[in-house]
Amino acid sequence: MTAFSLMLTTSPLAGQDFASALQFARTAIAGGYPVAQVFLYQDAVMAAAATIDLPTDEPNLSQQLADFCQAKQIPLLYCVTAAEKRGLVPATTGFISAGLAEFAIRLANTKLVQF
């Protein structure tokens, strides 16, 4: 059975990508397809920031993705180099620091879907 790896590259505050990735992951799992990992790269690493403060009327897609991944035991990785370049102080729970090499190794036997 096909397993998917998801890669997000845009900020969780800019656009629809996080909502789309979350919907894709939910649909894949509901259809019996495993999601092997979710990798946050470039500006998407901002989702792992410990200090995101959203207005109460906006959905916290970063937290929704983290909660979903934790509930489904999907590794939620963020690129440590991209985070360092952006001065990111990562959250302590729900996110795993990784490099591109680890992401590439985990891609084996999966189909990559980029948002």
PDB file of N, CA and C in Angstrom:
ATOM      1  N   MET A   1       0.840  -1.172   0.000  1.00  0.00           N
ATOM      2  CA  MET A   1       0.000   0.000   0.000  1.00  0.00           C
ATOM      3  C   MET A   1       0.892   1.245   0.000  1.00  0.00           C
ATOM      4  N   THR A   2       0.468   2.236  -0.709  1.00  0.00           N
ATOM      5  CA  THR A   2       1.206   3.485  -0.818  1.00  0.00           C
ATOM      6  C   THR A   2       1.182   4.252   0.499  1.00  0.00           C
ATOM      7  N   ALA A   3       2.342   4.675   0.935  1.00  0.00           N
ATOM      8  CA  ALA A   3       2.458   5.562   2.097  1.00  0.00           C
ATOM      9  C   ALA A   3       2.863   6.936   1.578  1.00  0.00           C
ATOM     10  N   PHE A   4       2.441   7.964   2.270  1.00  0.00           N
ATOM     11  CA  PHE A   4       2.716   9.331   1.853  1.00  0.00           C
ATOM     12  C   PHE A   4       3.644  10.028   2.839  1.00  0.00           C
ATOM     13  N   SER A   5       4.487  10.880   2.292  1.00  0.00           N
ATOM     14  CA  SER A   5       5.278  11.831   3.067  1.00  0.00           C
ATOM     15  C   SER A   5       4.808  13.211   2.635  1.00  0.00           C
ATOM     16  N   LEU A   6       4.544  14.078   3.586  1.00  0.00           N
ATOM     17  CA  LEU A   6       4.078  15.422   3.278  1.00  0.00           C
ATOM     18  C   LEU A   6       5.188  16.417   3.590  1.00  0.00           C
ATOM     19  N   MET A   7       5.331  17.402   2.720  1.00  0.00           N
ATOM     20  CA  MET A   7       6.322  18.456   2.915  1.00  0.00           C
ATOM     21  C   MET A   7       5.629  19.798   2.756  1.00  0.00           C
ATOM     22  N   LEU A   8       5.765  20.647   3.754  1.00  0.00           N
ATOM     23  CA  LEU A   8       5.195  21.993   3.698  1.00  0.00           C
ATOM     24  C   LEU A   8       6.336  22.996   3.652  1.00  0.00           C
ATOM     25  N   THR A   9       6.169  24.052   2.837  1.00  0.00           N
ATOM     26  CA  THR A   9       7.250  25.024   2.673  1.00  0.00           C
ATOM     27  C   THR A   9       6.829  26.461   2.970  1.00  0.00           C
ATOM     28  N   THR A  10       5.557  26.724   3.137  1.00  0.00           N
ATOM     29  CA  THR A  10       5.117  28.101   3.385  1.00  0.00           C
ATOM     30  C   THR A  10       4.683  28.277   4.835  1.00  0.00           C
ATOM     31  N   SER A  11       4.699  29.494   5.290  1.00  0.00           N
ATOM     32  CA  SER A  11       4.324  29.818   6.659  1.00  0.00           C
ATOM     33  C   SER A  11       2.892  29.362   6.942  1.00  0.00           C
ATOM     34  N   PRO A  12       2.638  28.905   8.157  1.00  0.00           N
ATOM     35  CA  PRO A  12       1.270  28.520   8.507  1.00  0.00           C
ATOM     36  C   PRO A  12       0.317  29.714   8.529  1.00  0.00           C
ATOM     37  N   LEU A  13       0.857  30.919   8.528  1.00  0.00           N
ATOM     38  CA  LEU A  13       0.038  32.126   8.572  1.00  0.00           C
ATOM     39  C   LEU A  13      -0.209  32.711   7.185  1.00  0.00           C
ATOM     40  N   ALA A  14       0.360  32.105   6.147  1.00  0.00           N
ATOM     41  CA  ALA A  14       0.268  32.652   4.794  1.00  0.00           C
ATOM     42  C   ALA A  14      -0.339  31.633   3.843  1.00  0.00           C
ATOM     43  N   GLY A  15      -1.619  31.678   3.689  1.00  0.00           N
ATOM     44  CA  GLY A  15      -2.246  30.818   2.697  1.00  0.00           C
ATOM     45  C   GLY A  15      -2.938  29.601   3.265  1.00  0.00           C
ATOM     46  N   GLN A  16      -3.234  28.712   2.357  1.00  0.00           N
ATOM     47  CA  GLN A  16      -4.093  27.563   2.614  1.00  0.00           C
ATOM     48  C   GLN A  16      -3.313  26.261   2.789  1.00  0.00           C
ATOM     49  N   ASP A  17      -1.989  26.294   2.650  1.00  0.00           N
ATOM     50  CA  ASP A  17      -1.219  25.060   2.585  1.00  0.00           C
ATOM     51  C   ASP A  17      -1.363  24.162   3.818  1.00  0.00           C
ATOM     52  N   PHE A  18      -1.342  24.725   5.002  1.00  0.00           N
ATOM     53  CA  PHE A  18      -1.454  23.890   6.207  1.00  0.00           C
ATOM     54  C   PHE A  18      -2.836  23.238   6.291  1.00  0.00           C
ATOM     55  N   ALA A  19      -3.867  23.983   5.955  1.00  0.00           N
ATOM     56  CA  ALA A  19      -5.223  23.408   5.962  1.00  0.00           C
ATOM     57  C   ALA A  19      -5.337  22.311   4.912  1.00  0.00           C
ATOM     58  N   SER A  20      -4.752  22.530   3.755  1.00  0.00           N
ATOM     59  CA  SER A  20      -4.801  21.529   2.683  1.00  0.00           C
ATOM     60  C   SER A  20      -4.030  20.271   3.069  1.00  0.00           C
ATOM     61  N   ALA A  21      -2.862  20.441   3.658  1.00  0.00           N
ATOM     62  CA  ALA A  21      -2.066  19.288   4.079  1.00  0.00           C
ATOM     63  C   ALA A  21      -2.779  18.484   5.161  1.00  0.00           C
ATOM     64  N   LEU A  22      -3.390  19.189   6.086  1.00  0.00           N
ATOM     65  CA  LEU A  22      -4.133  18.515   7.148  1.00  0.00           C
ATOM     66  C   LEU A  22      -5.317  17.742   6.580  1.00  0.00           C
ATOM     67  N   GLN A  23      -6.034  18.339   5.651  1.00  0.00           N
ATOM     68  CA  GLN A  23      -7.161  17.651   5.015  1.00  0.00           C
ATOM     69  C   GLN A  23      -6.679  16.440   4.206  1.00  0.00           C
ATOM     70  N   PHE A  24      -5.581  16.591   3.497  1.00  0.00           N
ATOM     71  CA  PHE A  24      -5.023  15.482   2.733  1.00  0.00           C
ATOM     72  C   PHE A  24      -4.664  14.325   3.667  1.00  0.00           C
ATOM     73  N   ALA A  25      -3.981  14.639   4.771  1.00  0.00           N
ATOM     74  CA  ALA A  25      -3.581  13.599   5.719  1.00  0.00           C
ATOM     75  C   ALA A  25      -4.789  12.893   6.316  1.00  0.00           C
ATOM     76  N   ARG A  26      -5.805  13.645   6.693  1.00  0.00           N
ATOM     77  CA  ARG A  26      -7.022  13.035   7.247  1.00  0.00           C
ATOM     78  C   ARG A  26      -7.690  12.112   6.232  1.00  0.00           C
ATOM     79  N   THR A  27      -7.765  12.579   4.991  1.00  0.00           N
ATOM     80  CA  THR A  27      -8.406  11.791   3.937  1.00  0.00           C
ATOM     81  C   THR A  27      -7.595  10.539   3.619  1.00  0.00           C
ATOM     82  N   ALA A  28      -6.285  10.671   3.555  1.00  0.00           N
ATOM     83  CA  ALA A  28      -5.428   9.515   3.277  1.00  0.00           C
ATOM     84  C   ALA A  28      -5.602   8.445   4.349  1.00  0.00           C
ATOM     85  N   ILE A  29      -5.542   8.855   5.598  1.00  0.00           N
ATOM     86  CA  ILE A  29      -5.675   7.893   6.696  1.00  0.00           C
ATOM     87  C   ILE A  29      -7.067   7.278   6.720  1.00  0.00           C
ATOM     88  N   ALA A  30      -8.087   8.080   6.468  1.00  0.00           N
ATOM     89  CA  ALA A  30      -9.456   7.545   6.414  1.00  0.00           C
ATOM     90  C   ALA A  30      -9.603   6.523   5.290  1.00  0.00           C
ATOM     91  N   GLY A  31      -8.832   6.703   4.229  1.00  0.00           N
ATOM     92  CA  GLY A  31      -8.865   5.766   3.106  1.00  0.00           C
ATOM     93  C   GLY A  31      -7.941   4.578   3.282  1.00  0.00           C
ATOM     94  N   GLY A  32      -7.283   4.496   4.420  1.00  0.00           N
ATOM     95  CA  GLY A  32      -6.417   3.359   4.701  1.00  0.00           C
ATOM     96  C   GLY A  32      -4.975   3.533   4.247  1.00  0.00           C
ATOM     97  N   TYR A  33      -4.608   4.738   3.833  1.00  0.00           N
ATOM     98  CA  TYR A  33      -3.241   5.002   3.382  1.00  0.00           C
ATOM     99  C   TYR A  33      -2.442   5.635   4.513  1.00  0.00           C
ATOM    100  N   PRO A  34      -1.298   5.070   4.844  1.00  0.00           N
ATOM    101  CA  PRO A  34      -0.497   5.643   5.930  1.00  0.00           C
ATOM    102  C   PRO A  34       0.209   6.930   5.516  1.00  0.00           C
ATOM    103  N   VAL A  35       0.395   7.811   6.482  1.00  0.00           N
ATOM    104  CA  VAL A  35       1.212   8.996   6.311  1.00  0.00           C
ATOM    105  C   VAL A  35       2.471   8.741   7.134  1.00  0.00           C
ATOM    106  N   ALA A  36       3.610   8.633   6.451  1.00  0.00           N
ATOM    107  CA  ALA A  36       4.857   8.247   7.105  1.00  0.00           C
ATOM    108  C   ALA A  36       5.488   9.388   7.885  1.00  0.00           C
ATOM    109  N   GLN A  37       5.309  10.629   7.386  1.00  0.00           N
ATOM    110  CA  GLN A  37       5.929  11.779   8.038  1.00  0.00           C
ATOM    111  C   GLN A  37       5.354  13.057   7.473  1.00  0.00           C
ATOM    112  N   VAL A  38       5.509  14.118   8.248  1.00  0.00           N
ATOM    113  CA  VAL A  38       5.226  15.479   7.788  1.00  0.00           C
ATOM    114  C   VAL A  38       6.500  16.271   8.064  1.00  0.00           C
ATOM    115  N   PHE A  39       7.015  16.938   7.025  1.00  0.00           N
ATOM    116  CA  PHE A  39       8.271  17.677   7.144  1.00  0.00           C
ATOM    117  C   PHE A  39       8.021  19.149   6.864  1.00  0.00           C
ATOM    118  N   LEU A  40       8.433  19.995   7.795  1.00  0.00           N
ATOM    119  CA  LEU A  40       8.293  21.441   7.659  1.00  0.00           C
ATOM    120  C   LEU A  40       9.631  22.014   7.213  1.00  0.00           C
ATOM    121  N   TYR A  41       9.609  22.741   6.100  1.00  0.00           N
ATOM    122  CA  TYR A  41      10.830  23.273   5.507  1.00  0.00           C
ATOM    123  C   TYR A  41      10.611  24.728   5.126  1.00  0.00           C
ATOM    124  N   GLN A  42      11.672  25.457   4.933  1.00  0.00           N
ATOM    125  CA  GLN A  42      11.640  26.875   4.594  1.00  0.00           C
ATOM    126  C   GLN A  42      10.768  27.616   5.621  1.00  0.00           C
ATOM    127  N   ASP A  43       9.824  28.452   5.181  1.00  0.00           N
ATOM    128  CA  ASP A  43       9.025  29.237   6.130  1.00  0.00           C
ATOM    129  C   ASP A  43       8.017  28.402   6.919  1.00  0.00           C
ATOM    130  N   ALA A  44       7.779  27.183   6.504  1.00  0.00           N
ATOM    131  CA  ALA A  44       6.846  26.322   7.242  1.00  0.00           C
ATOM    132  C   ALA A  44       7.365  25.988   8.634  1.00  0.00           C
ATOM    133  N   VAL A  45       8.671  26.115   8.859  1.00  0.00           N
ATOM    134  CA  VAL A  45       9.214  25.832  10.195  1.00  0.00           C
ATOM    135  C   VAL A  45       8.650  26.776  11.248  1.00  0.00           C
ATOM    136  N   MET A  46       8.074  27.881  10.817  1.00  0.00           N
ATOM    137  CA  MET A  46       7.471  28.814  11.778  1.00  0.00           C
ATOM    138  C   MET A  46       6.351  28.151  12.577  1.00  0.00           C
ATOM    139  N   ALA A  47       5.802  27.083  12.061  1.00  0.00           N
ATOM    140  CA  ALA A  47       4.766  26.342  12.790  1.00  0.00           C
ATOM    141  C   ALA A  47       5.302  25.763  14.095  1.00  0.00           C
ATOM    142  N   ALA A  48       6.588  25.493  14.135  1.00  0.00           N
ATOM    143  CA  ALA A  48       7.198  24.908  15.333  1.00  0.00           C
ATOM    144  C   ALA A  48       7.586  25.960  16.367  1.00  0.00           C
ATOM    145  N   ALA A  49       7.349  27.226  16.071  1.00  0.00           N
ATOM    146  CA  ALA A  49       7.720  28.298  17.000  1.00  0.00           C
ATOM    147  C   ALA A  49       6.931  28.198  18.293  1.00  0.00           C
ATOM    148  N   ALA A  50       7.616  28.410  19.381  1.00  0.00           N
ATOM    149  CA  ALA A  50       6.979  28.331  20.695  1.00  0.00           C
ATOM    150  C   ALA A  50       6.106  29.542  20.987  1.00  0.00           C
ATOM    151  N   THR A  51       6.243  30.596  20.211  1.00  0.00           N
ATOM    152  CA  THR A  51       5.583  31.861  20.558  1.00  0.00           C
ATOM    153  C   THR A  51       4.578  32.343  19.514  1.00  0.00           C
ATOM    154  N   ILE A  52       3.877  31.455  18.861  1.00  0.00           N
ATOM    155  CA  ILE A  52       2.838  31.889  17.927  1.00  0.00           C
ATOM    156  C   ILE A  52       1.646  32.366  18.749  1.00  0.00           C
ATOM    157  N   ASP A  53       1.229  33.591  18.514  1.00  0.00           N
ATOM    158  CA  ASP A  53       0.105  34.179  19.249  1.00  0.00           C
ATOM    159  C   ASP A  53      -0.922  34.670  18.232  1.00  0.00           C
ATOM    160  N   LEU A  54      -1.948  33.871  18.007  1.00  0.00           N
ATOM    161  CA  LEU A  54      -2.973  34.197  17.022  1.00  0.00           C
ATOM    162  C   LEU A  54      -4.182  34.846  17.673  1.00  0.00           C
ATOM    163  N   PRO A  55      -4.896  35.685  16.924  1.00  0.00           N
ATOM    164  CA  PRO A  55      -6.177  36.181  17.420  1.00  0.00           C
ATOM    165  C   PRO A  55      -7.123  34.994  17.668  1.00  0.00           C
ATOM    166  N   THR A  56      -8.024  35.155  18.592  1.00  0.00           N
ATOM    167  CA  THR A  56      -8.908  34.044  18.970  1.00  0.00           C
ATOM    168  C   THR A  56      -9.846  33.601  17.854  1.00  0.00           C
ATOM    169  N   ASP A  57     -10.076  34.465  16.859  1.00  0.00           N
ATOM    170  CA  ASP A  57     -10.992  34.085  15.780  1.00  0.00           C
ATOM    171  C   ASP A  57     -10.287  33.400  14.605  1.00  0.00           C
ATOM    172  N   GLU A  58      -8.971  33.164  14.707  1.00  0.00           N
ATOM    173  CA  GLU A  58      -8.236  32.476  13.655  1.00  0.00           C
ATOM    174  C   GLU A  58      -7.901  31.066  14.107  1.00  0.00           C
ATOM    175  N   PRO A  59      -8.048  30.092  13.203  1.00  0.00           N
ATOM    176  CA  PRO A  59      -7.687  28.716  13.578  1.00  0.00           C
ATOM    177  C   PRO A  59      -6.169  28.583  13.704  1.00  0.00           C
ATOM    178  N   ASN A  60      -5.729  27.848  14.687  1.00  0.00           N
ATOM    179  CA  ASN A  60      -4.305  27.599  14.864  1.00  0.00           C
ATOM    180  C   ASN A  60      -3.961  26.314  14.116  1.00  0.00           C
ATOM    181  N   LEU A  61      -3.672  26.468  12.825  1.00  0.00           N
ATOM    182  CA  LEU A  61      -3.407  25.311  11.976  1.00  0.00           C
ATOM    183  C   LEU A  61      -2.141  24.572  12.388  1.00  0.00           C
ATOM    184  N   SER A  62      -1.176  25.294  12.925  1.00  0.00           N
ATOM    185  CA  SER A  62       0.046  24.652  13.413  1.00  0.00           C
ATOM    186  C   SER A  62      -0.286  23.676  14.530  1.00  0.00           C
ATOM    187  N   GLN A  63      -1.091  24.134  15.478  1.00  0.00           N
ATOM    188  CA  GLN A  63      -1.465  23.276  16.602  1.00  0.00           C
ATOM    189  C   GLN A  63      -2.369  22.129  16.152  1.00  0.00           C
ATOM    190  N   GLN A  64      -3.279  22.406  15.228  1.00  0.00           N
ATOM    191  CA  GLN A  64      -4.141  21.348  14.707  1.00  0.00           C
ATOM    192  C   GLN A  64      -3.315  20.259  14.031  1.00  0.00           C
ATOM    193  N   LEU A  65      -2.318  20.660  13.247  1.00  0.00           N
ATOM    194  CA  LEU A  65      -1.453  19.682  12.592  1.00  0.00           C
ATOM    195  C   LEU A  65      -0.655  18.893  13.623  1.00  0.00           C
ATOM    196  N   ALA A  66      -0.114  19.580  14.616  1.00  0.00           N
ATOM    197  CA  ALA A  66       0.656  18.905  15.668  1.00  0.00           C
ATOM    198  C   ALA A  66      -0.216  17.920  16.439  1.00  0.00           C
ATOM    199  N   ASP A  67      -1.431  18.329  16.778  1.00  0.00           N
ATOM    200  CA  ASP A  67      -2.344  17.439  17.509  1.00  0.00           C
ATOM    201  C   ASP A  67      -2.704  16.217  16.671  1.00  0.00           C
ATOM    202  N   PHE A  68      -2.976  16.443  15.394  1.00  0.00           N
ATOM    203  CA  PHE A  68      -3.331  15.342  14.495  1.00  0.00           C
ATOM    204  C   PHE A  68      -2.166  14.360  14.385  1.00  0.00           C
ATOM    205  N   CYS A  69      -0.977  14.878  14.152  1.00  0.00           N
ATOM    206  CA  CYS A  69       0.194  14.006  14.014  1.00  0.00           C
ATOM    207  C   CYS A  69       0.450  13.217  15.286  1.00  0.00           C
ATOM    208  N   GLN A  70       0.279  13.871  16.418  1.00  0.00           N
ATOM    209  CA  GLN A  70       0.484  13.175  17.688  1.00  0.00           C
ATOM    210  C   GLN A  70      -0.570  12.079  17.878  1.00  0.00           C
ATOM    211  N   ALA A  71      -1.815  12.373  17.576  1.00  0.00           N
ATOM    212  CA  ALA A  71      -2.889  11.393  17.744  1.00  0.00           C
ATOM    213  C   ALA A  71      -2.703  10.189  16.818  1.00  0.00           C
ATOM    214  N   LYS A  72      -2.184  10.435  15.628  1.00  0.00           N
ATOM    215  CA  LYS A  72      -2.010   9.360  14.635  1.00  0.00           C
ATOM    216  C   LYS A  72      -0.596   8.798  14.628  1.00  0.00           C
ATOM    217  N   GLN A  73       0.243   9.268  15.547  1.00  0.00           N
ATOM    218  CA  GLN A  73       1.628   8.824  15.686  1.00  0.00           C
ATOM    219  C   GLN A  73       2.416   8.995  14.382  1.00  0.00           C
ATOM    220  N   ILE A  74       2.267  10.185  13.790  1.00  0.00           N
ATOM    221  CA  ILE A  74       2.988  10.553  12.574  1.00  0.00           C
ATOM    222  C   ILE A  74       4.126  11.485  12.984  1.00  0.00           C
ATOM    223  N   PRO A  75       5.359  11.168  12.635  1.00  0.00           N
ATOM    224  CA  PRO A  75       6.456  12.076  12.969  1.00  0.00           C
ATOM    225  C   PRO A  75       6.256  13.440  12.295  1.00  0.00           C
ATOM    226  N   LEU A  76       6.312  14.495  13.090  1.00  0.00           N
ATOM    227  CA  LEU A  76       6.181  15.869  12.604  1.00  0.00           C
ATOM    228  C   LEU A  76       7.551  16.517  12.743  1.00  0.00           C
ATOM    229  N   LEU A  77       8.279  16.554  11.644  1.00  0.00           N
ATOM    230  CA  LEU A  77       9.661  17.012  11.631  1.00  0.00           C
ATOM    231  C   LEU A  77       9.750  18.446  11.139  1.00  0.00           C
ATOM    232  N   TYR A  78      10.698  19.196  11.656  1.00  0.00           N
ATOM    233  CA  TYR A  78      10.983  20.516  11.101  1.00  0.00           C
ATOM    234  C   TYR A  78      12.475  20.596  10.821  1.00  0.00           C
ATOM    235  N   CYS A  79      12.831  21.320   9.768  1.00  0.00           N
ATOM    236  CA  CYS A  79      14.224  21.453   9.365  1.00  0.00           C
ATOM    237  C   CYS A  79      14.955  22.345  10.362  1.00  0.00           C
ATOM    238  N   VAL A  80      15.915  21.776  11.041  1.00  0.00           N
ATOM    239  CA  VAL A  80      16.632  22.505  12.076  1.00  0.00           C
ATOM    240  C   VAL A  80      17.434  23.657  11.474  1.00  0.00           C
ATOM    241  N   THR A  81      17.986  23.481  10.286  1.00  0.00           N
ATOM    242  CA  THR A  81      18.762  24.548   9.653  1.00  0.00           C
ATOM    243  C   THR A  81      17.867  25.716   9.265  1.00  0.00           C
ATOM    244  N   ALA A  82      16.708  25.421   8.681  1.00  0.00           N
ATOM    245  CA  ALA A  82      15.770  26.489   8.321  1.00  0.00           C
ATOM    246  C   ALA A  82      15.288  27.225   9.568  1.00  0.00           C
ATOM    247  N   ALA A  83      15.096  26.494  10.652  1.00  0.00           N
ATOM    248  CA  ALA A  83      14.661  27.118  11.906  1.00  0.00           C
ATOM    249  C   ALA A  83      15.745  28.042  12.455  1.00  0.00           C
ATOM    250  N   GLU A  84      16.990  27.591  12.429  1.00  0.00           N
ATOM    251  CA  GLU A  84      18.089  28.411  12.924  1.00  0.00           C
ATOM    252  C   GLU A  84      18.245  29.683  12.100  1.00  0.00           C
ATOM    253  N   LYS A  85      18.095  29.577  10.802  1.00  0.00           N
ATOM    254  CA  LYS A  85      18.211  30.750   9.923  1.00  0.00           C
ATOM    255  C   LYS A  85      17.143  31.794  10.239  1.00  0.00           C
ATOM    256  N   ARG A  86      16.022  31.358  10.750  1.00  0.00           N
ATOM    257  CA  ARG A  86      14.917  32.258  11.053  1.00  0.00           C
ATOM    258  C   ARG A  86      14.880  32.659  12.528  1.00  0.00           C
ATOM    259  N   GLY A  87      15.876  32.242  13.293  1.00  0.00           N
ATOM    260  CA  GLY A  87      15.945  32.598  14.710  1.00  0.00           C
ATOM    261  C   GLY A  87      14.842  31.954  15.528  1.00  0.00           C
ATOM    262  N   LEU A  88      14.383  30.805  15.103  1.00  0.00           N
ATOM    263  CA  LEU A  88      13.247  30.136  15.720  1.00  0.00           C
ATOM    264  C   LEU A  88      13.625  29.463  17.030  1.00  0.00           C
ATOM    265  N   VAL A  89      12.818  29.690  18.039  1.00  0.00           N
ATOM    266  CA  VAL A  89      12.899  28.936  19.282  1.00  0.00           C
ATOM    267  C   VAL A  89      11.766  27.923  19.206  1.00  0.00           C
ATOM    268  N   PRO A  90      12.105  26.655  18.991  1.00  0.00           N
ATOM    269  CA  PRO A  90      11.053  25.660  18.757  1.00  0.00           C
ATOM    270  C   PRO A  90      10.246  25.320  20.006  1.00  0.00           C
ATOM    271  N   ALA A  91       9.010  24.895  19.746  1.00  0.00           N
ATOM    272  CA  ALA A  91       8.152  24.389  20.810  1.00  0.00           C
ATOM    273  C   ALA A  91       8.782  23.111  21.351  1.00  0.00           C
ATOM    274  N   THR A  92       8.487  22.800  22.572  1.00  0.00           N
ATOM    275  CA  THR A  92       9.106  21.626  23.188  1.00  0.00           C
ATOM    276  C   THR A  92       8.339  20.336  22.915  1.00  0.00           C
ATOM    277  N   THR A  93       7.093  20.423  22.518  1.00  0.00           N
ATOM    278  CA  THR A  93       6.320  19.200  22.301  1.00  0.00           C
ATOM    279  C   THR A  93       5.709  19.182  20.906  1.00  0.00           C
ATOM    280  N   GLY A  94       5.607  17.984  20.375  1.00  0.00           N
ATOM    281  CA  GLY A  94       4.914  17.786  19.113  1.00  0.00           C
ATOM    282  C   GLY A  94       5.768  17.910  17.873  1.00  0.00           C
ATOM    283  N   PHE A  95       6.928  18.542  17.968  1.00  0.00           N
ATOM    284  CA  PHE A  95       7.780  18.757  16.806  1.00  0.00           C
ATOM    285  C   PHE A  95       9.139  18.115  17.035  1.00  0.00           C
ATOM    286  N   ILE A  96       9.707  17.538  15.973  1.00  0.00           N
ATOM    287  CA  ILE A  96      10.991  16.858  16.057  1.00  0.00           C
ATOM    288  C   ILE A  96      11.963  17.565  15.121  1.00  0.00           C
ATOM    289  N   SER A  97      13.107  17.971  15.636  1.00  0.00           N
ATOM    290  CA  SER A  97      14.105  18.604  14.774  1.00  0.00           C
ATOM    291  C   SER A  97      14.770  17.535  13.914  1.00  0.00           C
ATOM    292  N   ALA A  98      15.023  17.897  12.658  1.00  0.00           N
ATOM    293  CA  ALA A  98      15.640  16.963  11.714  1.00  0.00           C
ATOM    294  C   ALA A  98      16.355  17.762  10.640  1.00  0.00           C
ATOM    295  N   GLY A  99      17.215  17.108   9.923  1.00  0.00           N
ATOM    296  CA  GLY A  99      17.881  17.711   8.788  1.00  0.00           C
ATOM    297  C   GLY A  99      17.316  17.156   7.495  1.00  0.00           C
ATOM    298  N   LEU A 100      17.734  17.736   6.396  1.00  0.00           N
ATOM    299  CA  LEU A 100      17.281  17.250   5.092  1.00  0.00           C
ATOM    300  C   LEU A 100      17.699  15.805   4.853  1.00  0.00           C
ATOM    301  N   ALA A 101      18.853  15.411   5.362  1.00  0.00           N
ATOM    302  CA  ALA A 101      19.316  14.033   5.168  1.00  0.00           C
ATOM    303  C   ALA A 101      18.357  13.040   5.835  1.00  0.00           C
ATOM    304  N   GLU A 102      17.943  13.347   7.049  1.00  0.00           N
ATOM    305  CA  GLU A 102      16.997  12.452   7.728  1.00  0.00           C
ATOM    306  C   GLU A 102      15.674  12.392   6.980  1.00  0.00           C
ATOM    307  N   PHE A 103      15.206  13.547   6.521  1.00  0.00           N
ATOM    308  CA  PHE A 103      13.979  13.592   5.725  1.00  0.00           C
ATOM    309  C   PHE A 103      14.118  12.721   4.481  1.00  0.00           C
ATOM    310  N   ALA A 104      15.239  12.837   3.788  1.00  0.00           N
ATOM    311  CA  ALA A 104      15.467  12.065   2.569  1.00  0.00           C
ATOM    312  C   ALA A 104      15.487  10.562   2.855  1.00  0.00           C
ATOM    313  N   ILE A 105      16.098  10.181   3.952  1.00  0.00           N
ATOM    314  CA  ILE A 105      16.142   8.756   4.316  1.00  0.00           C
ATOM    315  C   ILE A 105      14.737   8.234   4.585  1.00  0.00           C
ATOM    316  N   ARG A 106      13.925   9.039   5.243  1.00  0.00           N
ATOM    317  CA  ARG A 106      12.554   8.634   5.572  1.00  0.00           C
ATOM    318  C   ARG A 106      11.641   8.588   4.344  1.00  0.00           C
ATOM    319  N   LEU A 107      12.088   9.179   3.226  1.00  0.00           N
ATOM    320  CA  LEU A 107      11.275   9.181   2.006  1.00  0.00           C
ATOM    321  C   LEU A 107      11.203   7.821   1.330  1.00  0.00           C
ATOM    322  N   ALA A 108      12.093   6.918   1.702  1.00  0.00           N
ATOM    323  CA  ALA A 108      12.127   5.604   1.071  1.00  0.00           C
ATOM    324  C   ALA A 108      10.754   4.944   1.128  1.00  0.00           C
ATOM    325  N   ASN A 109      10.311   4.456   0.005  1.00  0.00           N
ATOM    326  CA  ASN A 109       9.040   3.719  -0.122  1.00  0.00           C
ATOM    327  C   ASN A 109       7.812   4.565   0.190  1.00  0.00           C
ATOM    328  N   THR A 110       7.909   5.877  -0.001  1.00  0.00           N
ATOM    329  CA  THR A 110       6.745   6.747   0.167  1.00  0.00           C
ATOM    330  C   THR A 110       6.599   7.627  -1.068  1.00  0.00           C
ATOM    331  N   LYS A 111       5.421   8.175  -1.227  1.00  0.00           N
ATOM    332  CA  LYS A 111       5.151   9.167  -2.265  1.00  0.00           C
ATOM    333  C   LYS A 111       5.158  10.530  -1.598  1.00  0.00           C
ATOM    334  N   LEU A 112       5.908  11.474  -2.175  1.00  0.00           N
ATOM    335  CA  LEU A 112       6.026  12.808  -1.607  1.00  0.00           C
ATOM    336  C   LEU A 112       4.926  13.707  -2.155  1.00  0.00           C
ATOM    337  N   VAL A 113       4.234  14.396  -1.255  1.00  0.00           N
ATOM    338  CA  VAL A 113       3.238  15.389  -1.628  1.00  0.00           C
ATOM    339  C   VAL A 113       3.670  16.696  -0.970  1.00  0.00           C
ATOM    340  N   GLN A 114       3.871  17.726  -1.798  1.00  0.00           N
ATOM    341  CA  GLN A 114       4.349  19.010  -1.288  1.00  0.00           C
ATOM    342  C   GLN A 114       3.243  20.038  -1.306  1.00  0.00           C
ATOM    343  N   PHE A 115       3.161  20.789  -0.221  1.00  0.00           N
ATOM    344  CA  PHE A 115       2.192  21.878  -0.098  1.00  0.00           C
ATOM    345  C   PHE A 115       2.934  23.174   0.084  1.00  0.00           C
TER     346      PHE A 115
END
